[in-house]
C-alpha cells in the first residue's frame, strides 16, 4: 500500500528542511571571507617562506658561492 497524502507531505517537508540545511552548510564552506580566514595562516606562512628564499638567494649571489 502506498503512502498517504499526509505522509508524503511530511516527507516532502523533511526533505526540504534537509536540503535547506545542506545548502546553508555549503554556503558557509564556500563563503569567501571564511575561506580567507581559514587559510590566512597558510598564505602568510608561504609568503614568509618565499621571502626567506628570495633573501637567501640575494645574499648568496652577493657574497659568492
PDB file of N, CA and C in Angstrom:
ATOM      1  N   UNK A   1       0.841  -1.188   0.000  1.00  0.00           N
ATOM      2  CA  UNK A   1       0.000   0.000   0.000  1.00  0.00           C
ATOM      3  C   UNK A   1       0.873   1.233   0.000  1.00  0.00           C
ATOM      4  N   UNK A   2       0.497   2.241  -0.747  1.00  0.00           N
ATOM      5  CA  UNK A   2       1.271   3.469  -0.879  1.00  0.00           C
ATOM      6  C   UNK A   2       1.105   4.383   0.322  1.00  0.00           C
ATOM      7  N   UNK A   3       1.913   5.396   0.332  1.00  0.00           N
ATOM      8  CA  UNK A   3       1.871   6.383   1.409  1.00  0.00           C
ATOM      9  C   UNK A   3       0.633   7.260   1.252  1.00  0.00           C
ATOM     10  N   UNK A   4       0.178   7.728   2.378  1.00  0.00           N
ATOM     11  CA  UNK A   4      -0.974   8.630   2.358  1.00  0.00           C
ATOM     12  C   UNK A   4      -0.500  10.028   1.965  1.00  0.00           C
ATOM     13  N   UNK A   5      -1.427  10.880   1.544  1.00  0.00           N
ATOM     14  CA  UNK A   5      -1.050  12.258   1.212  1.00  0.00           C
ATOM     15  C   UNK A   5      -0.369  12.975   2.394  1.00  0.00           C
ATOM     16  N   UNK A   6      -0.834  12.730   3.603  1.00  0.00           N
ATOM     17  CA  UNK A   6      -0.225  13.358   4.787  1.00  0.00           C
ATOM     18  C   UNK A   6       1.207  12.867   4.979  1.00  0.00           C
ATOM     19  N   UNK A   7       1.431  11.568   4.785  1.00  0.00           N
ATOM     20  CA  UNK A   7       2.781  11.019   4.915  1.00  0.00           C
ATOM     21  C   UNK A   7       3.706  11.605   3.851  1.00  0.00           C
ATOM     22  N   UNK A   8       3.201  11.702   2.631  1.00  0.00           N
ATOM     23  CA  UNK A   8       4.000  12.281   1.551  1.00  0.00           C
ATOM     24  C   UNK A   8       4.333  13.742   1.837  1.00  0.00           C
ATOM     25  N   UNK A   9       3.361  14.483   2.336  1.00  0.00           N
ATOM     26  CA  UNK A   9       3.589  15.888   2.651  1.00  0.00           C
ATOM     27  C   UNK A   9       4.639  16.039   3.749  1.00  0.00           C
ATOM     28  N   UNK A  10       4.580  15.205   4.792  1.00  0.00           N
ATOM     29  CA  UNK A  10       5.581  15.248   5.870  1.00  0.00           C
ATOM     30  C   UNK A  10       6.963  14.917   5.324  1.00  0.00           C
ATOM     31  N   UNK A  11       7.023  13.930   4.442  1.00  0.00           N
ATOM     32  CA  UNK A  11       8.303  13.545   3.852  1.00  0.00           C
ATOM     33  C   UNK A  11       8.873  14.684   2.995  1.00  0.00           C
ATOM     34  N   UNK A  12       8.013  15.339   2.234  1.00  0.00           N
ATOM     35  CA  UNK A  12       8.452  16.476   1.418  1.00  0.00           C
ATOM     36  C   UNK A  12       8.990  17.589   2.305  1.00  0.00           C
ATOM     37  N   UNK A  13       8.305  17.876   3.398  1.00  0.00           N
ATOM     38  CA  UNK A  13       8.760  18.913   4.327  1.00  0.00           C
ATOM     39  C   UNK A  13      10.125  18.540   4.907  1.00  0.00           C
ATOM     40  N   UNK A  14      10.292  17.280   5.290  1.00  0.00           N
ATOM     41  CA  UNK A  14      11.575  16.826   5.847  1.00  0.00           C
ATOM     42  C   UNK A  14      12.698  16.942   4.822  1.00  0.00           C
ATOM     43  N   UNK A  15      12.412  16.557   3.578  1.00  0.00           N
ATOM     44  CA  UNK A  15      13.423  16.633   2.519  1.00  0.00           C
ATOM     45  C   UNK A  15      13.794  18.092   2.246  1.00  0.00           C
ATOM     46  N   UNK A  16      12.797  18.974   2.217  1.00  0.00           N
ATOM     47  CA  UNK A  16      13.083  20.400   2.015  1.00  0.00           C
ATOM     48  C   UNK A  16      13.943  20.959   3.139  1.00  0.00           C
ATOM     49  N   UNK A  17      13.626  20.596   4.371  1.00  0.00           N
ATOM     50  CA  UNK A  17      14.406  21.081   5.513  1.00  0.00           C
ATOM     51  C   UNK A  17      15.846  20.566   5.445  1.00  0.00           C
ATOM     52  N   UNK A  18      16.001  19.299   5.082  1.00  0.00           N
ATOM     53  CA  UNK A  18      17.332  18.719   4.951  1.00  0.00           C
ATOM     54  C   UNK A  18      18.112  19.412   3.835  1.00  0.00           C
ATOM     55  N   UNK A  19      17.452  19.658   2.724  1.00  0.00           N
ATOM     56  CA  UNK A  19      18.081  20.341   1.601  1.00  0.00           C
ATOM     57  C   UNK A  19      18.488  21.762   2.001  1.00  0.00           C
ATOM     58  N   UNK A  20      17.639  22.453   2.738  1.00  0.00           N
ATOM     59  CA  UNK A  20      17.960  23.808   3.193  1.00  0.00           C
ATOM     60  C   UNK A  20      19.192  23.793   4.099  1.00  0.00           C
ATOM     61  N   UNK A  21      19.281  22.800   5.001  1.00  0.00           N
ATOM     62  CA  UNK A  21      20.465  22.690   5.875  1.00  0.00           C
ATOM     63  C   UNK A  21      21.717  22.405   5.062  1.00  0.00           C
ATOM     64  N   UNK A  22      21.587  21.551   4.070  1.00  0.00           N
ATOM     65  CA  UNK A  22      22.732  21.216   3.217  1.00  0.00           C
ATOM     66  C   UNK A  22      23.200  22.439   2.436  1.00  0.00           C
ATOM     67  N   UNK A  23      22.283  23.181   1.875  1.00  0.00           N
ATOM     68  CA  UNK A  23      22.638  24.381   1.110  1.00  0.00           C
ATOM     69  C   UNK A  23      23.298  25.408   2.024  1.00  0.00           C
ATOM     70  N   UNK A  24      22.775  25.581   3.219  1.00  0.00           N
ATOM     71  CA  UNK A  24      23.370  26.514   4.180  1.00  0.00           C
ATOM     72  C   UNK A  24      24.794  26.093   4.520  1.00  0.00           C
ATOM     73  N   UNK A  25      25.005  24.810   4.740  1.00  0.00           N
ATOM     74  CA  UNK A  25      26.352  24.305   5.052  1.00  0.00           C
ATOM     75  C   UNK A  25      27.312  24.552   3.893  1.00  0.00           C
ATOM     76  N   UNK A  26      26.854  24.336   2.681  1.00  0.00           N
ATOM     77  CA  UNK A  26      27.694  24.574   1.504  1.00  0.00           C
ATOM     78  C   UNK A  26      28.014  26.060   1.380  1.00  0.00           C
ATOM     79  N   UNK A  27      27.014  26.910   1.576  1.00  0.00           N
ATOM     80  CA  UNK A  27      27.239  28.357   1.505  1.00  0.00           C
ATOM     81  C   UNK A  27      28.285  28.795   2.519  1.00  0.00           C
ATOM     82  N   UNK A  28      28.237  28.239   3.724  1.00  0.00           N
ATOM     83  CA  UNK A  28      29.209  28.596   4.752  1.00  0.00           C
ATOM     84  C   UNK A  28      30.614  28.157   4.354  1.00  0.00           C
ATOM     85  N   UNK A  29      30.735  26.984   3.759  1.00  0.00           N
ATOM     86  CA  UNK A  29      32.050  26.458   3.377  1.00  0.00           C
ATOM     87  C   UNK A  29      32.691  27.256   2.254  1.00  0.00           C
ATOM     88  N   UNK A  30      31.907  27.769   1.318  1.00  0.00           N
ATOM     89  CA  UNK A  30      32.471  28.464   0.173  1.00  0.00           C
ATOM     90  C   UNK A  30      32.432  29.983   0.311  1.00  0.00           C
ATOM     91  N   UNK A  31      32.001  30.472   1.453  1.00  0.00           N
ATOM     92  CA  UNK A  31      31.971  31.906   1.696  1.00  0.00           C
ATOM     93  C   UNK A  31      33.391  32.455   1.601  1.00  0.00           C
ATOM     94  N   UNK A  32      33.639  33.419   0.713  1.00  0.00           N
ATOM     95  CA  UNK A  32      34.999  33.926   0.521  1.00  0.00           C
ATOM     96  C   UNK A  32      35.669  34.422   1.806  1.00  0.00           C
ATOM     97  N   UNK A  33      34.939  35.102   2.653  1.00  0.00           N
ATOM     98  CA  UNK A  33      35.523  35.587   3.910  1.00  0.00           C
ATOM     99  C   UNK A  33      35.967  34.418   4.782  1.00  0.00           C
ATOM    100  N   UNK A  34      35.163  33.362   4.822  1.00  0.00           N
ATOM    101  CA  UNK A  34      35.537  32.199   5.631  1.00  0.00           C
ATOM    102  C   UNK A  34      36.740  31.488   5.033  1.00  0.00           C
ATOM    103  N   UNK A  35      36.776  31.363   3.714  1.00  0.00           N
ATOM    104  CA  UNK A  35      37.901  30.701   3.059  1.00  0.00           C
ATOM    105  C   UNK A  35      39.195  31.460   3.360  1.00  0.00           C
ATOM    106  N   UNK A  36      39.143  32.787   3.256  1.00  0.00           N
ATOM    107  CA  UNK A  36      40.327  33.600   3.554  1.00  0.00           C
ATOM    108  C   UNK A  36      40.725  33.429   5.012  1.00  0.00           C
ATOM    109  N   UNK A  37      39.760  33.526   5.893  1.00  0.00           N
ATOM    110  CA  UNK A  37      40.050  33.404   7.326  1.00  0.00           C
ATOM    111  C   UNK A  37      40.665  32.043   7.650  1.00  0.00           C
ATOM    112  N   UNK A  38      40.101  30.983   7.083  1.00  0.00           N
ATOM    113  CA  UNK A  38      40.579  29.631   7.359  1.00  0.00           C
ATOM    114  C   UNK A  38      41.970  29.376   6.783  1.00  0.00           C
ATOM    115  N   UNK A  39      42.330  30.089   5.722  1.00  0.00           N
ATOM    116  CA  UNK A  39      43.594  29.820   5.041  1.00  0.00           C
ATOM    117  C   UNK A  39      44.618  30.934   5.186  1.00  0.00           C
ATOM    118  N   UNK A  40      44.316  31.949   5.957  1.00  0.00           N
ATOM    119  CA  UNK A  40      45.203  33.092   6.090  1.00  0.00           C
ATOM    120  C   UNK A  40      46.563  32.696   6.653  1.00  0.00           C
ATOM    121  N   UNK A  41      46.590  31.850   7.654  1.00  0.00           N
ATOM    122  CA  UNK A  41      47.866  31.437   8.238  1.00  0.00           C
ATOM    123  C   UNK A  41      48.729  30.693   7.223  1.00  0.00           C
ATOM    124  N   UNK A  42      48.109  29.882   6.387  1.00  0.00           N
ATOM    125  CA  UNK A  42      48.855  29.158   5.350  1.00  0.00           C
ATOM    126  C   UNK A  42      49.440  30.152   4.352  1.00  0.00           C
ATOM    127  N   UNK A  43      48.646  31.112   3.934  1.00  0.00           N
ATOM    128  CA  UNK A  43      49.112  32.111   2.972  1.00  0.00           C
ATOM    129  C   UNK A  43      50.267  32.912   3.564  1.00  0.00           C
ATOM    130  N   UNK A  44      50.142  33.321   4.816  1.00  0.00           N
ATOM    131  CA  UNK A  44      51.220  34.068   5.477  1.00  0.00           C
ATOM    132  C   UNK A  44      52.479  33.214   5.557  1.00  0.00           C
ATOM    133  N   UNK A  45      52.329  31.960   5.912  1.00  0.00           N
ATOM    134  CA  UNK A  45      53.476  31.065   6.011  1.00  0.00           C
ATOM    135  C   UNK A  45      54.190  30.896   4.682  1.00  0.00           C
ATOM    136  N   UNK A  46      53.428  30.722   3.627  1.00  0.00           N
ATOM    137  CA  UNK A  46      54.025  30.574   2.298  1.00  0.00           C
ATOM    138  C   UNK A  46      54.726  31.875   1.897  1.00  0.00           C
ATOM    139  N   UNK A  47      54.099  33.004   2.159  1.00  0.00           N
ATOM    140  CA  UNK A  47      54.714  34.295   1.826  1.00  0.00           C
ATOM    141  C   UNK A  47      56.025  34.478   2.575  1.00  0.00           C
ATOM    142  N   UNK A  48      56.049  34.117   3.850  1.00  0.00           N
ATOM    143  CA  UNK A  48      57.281  34.232   4.630  1.00  0.00           C
ATOM    144  C   UNK A  48      58.364  33.299   4.088  1.00  0.00           C
ATOM    145  N   UNK A  49      57.985  32.102   3.717  1.00  0.00           N
ATOM    146  CA  UNK A  49      58.941  31.155   3.157  1.00  0.00           C
ATOM    147  C   UNK A  49      59.518  31.672   1.838  1.00  0.00           C
ATOM    148  N   UNK A  50      58.668  32.174   0.969  1.00  0.00           N
ATOM    149  CA  UNK A  50      59.131  32.717  -0.310  1.00  0.00           C
ATOM    150  C   UNK A  50      60.056  33.908  -0.064  1.00  0.00           C
ATOM    151  N   UNK A  51      59.691  34.782   0.859  1.00  0.00           N
ATOM    152  CA  UNK A  51      60.536  35.933   1.184  1.00  0.00           C
ATOM    153  C   UNK A  51      61.895  35.483   1.690  1.00  0.00           C
ATOM    154  N   UNK A  52      61.920  34.494   2.546  1.00  0.00           N
ATOM    155  CA  UNK A  52      63.186  33.986   3.083  1.00  0.00           C
ATOM    156  C   UNK A  52      64.033  33.380   1.978  1.00  0.00           C
ATOM    157  N   UNK A  53      63.430  32.642   1.074  1.00  0.00           N
ATOM    158  CA  UNK A  53      64.181  32.046  -0.037  1.00  0.00           C
ATOM    159  C   UNK A  53      64.753  33.112  -0.960  1.00  0.00           C
ATOM    160  N   UNK A  54      63.973  34.144  -1.225  1.00  0.00           N
ATOM    161  CA  UNK A  54      64.471  35.237  -2.070  1.00  0.00           C
ATOM    162  C   UNK A  54      65.633  35.941  -1.373  1.00  0.00           C
ATOM    163  N   UNK A  55      65.476  36.225  -0.092  1.00  0.00           N
ATOM    164  CA  UNK A  55      66.553  36.878   0.665  1.00  0.00           C
ATOM    165  C   UNK A  55      67.802  36.012   0.660  1.00  0.00           C
ATOM    166  N   UNK A  56      67.662  34.732   0.850  1.00  0.00           N
ATOM    167  CA  UNK A  56      68.807  33.813   0.840  1.00  0.00           C
ATOM    168  C   UNK A  56      69.509  33.854  -0.513  1.00  0.00           C
ATOM    169  N   UNK A  57      68.722  33.851  -1.584  1.00  0.00           N
ATOM    170  CA  UNK A  57      69.275  33.872  -2.939  1.00  0.00           C
ATOM    171  C   UNK A  57      70.046  35.178  -3.186  1.00  0.00           C
ATOM    172  N   UNK A  58      69.492  36.297  -2.746  1.00  0.00           N
ATOM    173  CA  UNK A  58      70.139  37.592  -2.936  1.00  0.00           C
ATOM    174  C   UNK A  58      71.444  37.644  -2.150  1.00  0.00           C
ATOM    175  N   UNK A  59      71.408  37.227  -0.898  1.00  0.00           N
ATOM    176  CA  UNK A  59      72.622  37.250  -0.069  1.00  0.00           C
ATOM    177  C   UNK A  59      73.674  36.338  -0.672  1.00  0.00           C
ATOM    178  N   UNK A  60      73.256  35.174  -1.088  1.00  0.00           N
ATOM    179  CA  UNK A  60      74.212  34.202  -1.651  1.00  0.00           C
ATOM    180  C   UNK A  60      74.841  34.747  -2.937  1.00  0.00           C
ATOM    181  N   UNK A  61      74.044  35.445  -3.745  1.00  0.00           N
ATOM    182  CA  UNK A  61      74.534  35.999  -5.008  1.00  0.00           C
ATOM    183  C   UNK A  61      75.599  37.066  -4.745  1.00  0.00           C
ATOM    184  N   UNK A  62      75.417  37.856  -3.690  1.00  0.00           N
ATOM    185  CA  UNK A  62      76.326  38.976  -3.409  1.00  0.00           C
ATOM    186  C   UNK A  62      77.495  38.591  -2.509  1.00  0.00           C
ATOM    187  N   UNK A  63      77.484  37.415  -1.949  1.00  0.00           N
ATOM    188  CA  UNK A  63      78.600  37.000  -1.083  1.00  0.00           C
ATOM    189  C   UNK A  63      79.425  35.898  -1.706  1.00  0.00           C
ATOM    190  N   UNK A  64      79.043  35.447  -2.857  1.00  0.00           N
ATOM    191  CA  UNK A  64      79.814  34.404  -3.528  1.00  0.00           C
ATOM    192  C   UNK A  64      79.274  33.031  -3.218  1.00  0.00           C
ATOM    193  N   UNK A  65      79.901  31.994  -3.802  1.00  0.00           N
ATOM    194  CA  UNK A  65      79.403  30.616  -3.668  1.00  0.00           C
ATOM    195  C   UNK A  65      79.541  30.054  -2.312  1.00  0.00           C
TER     196      UNK A  65
END
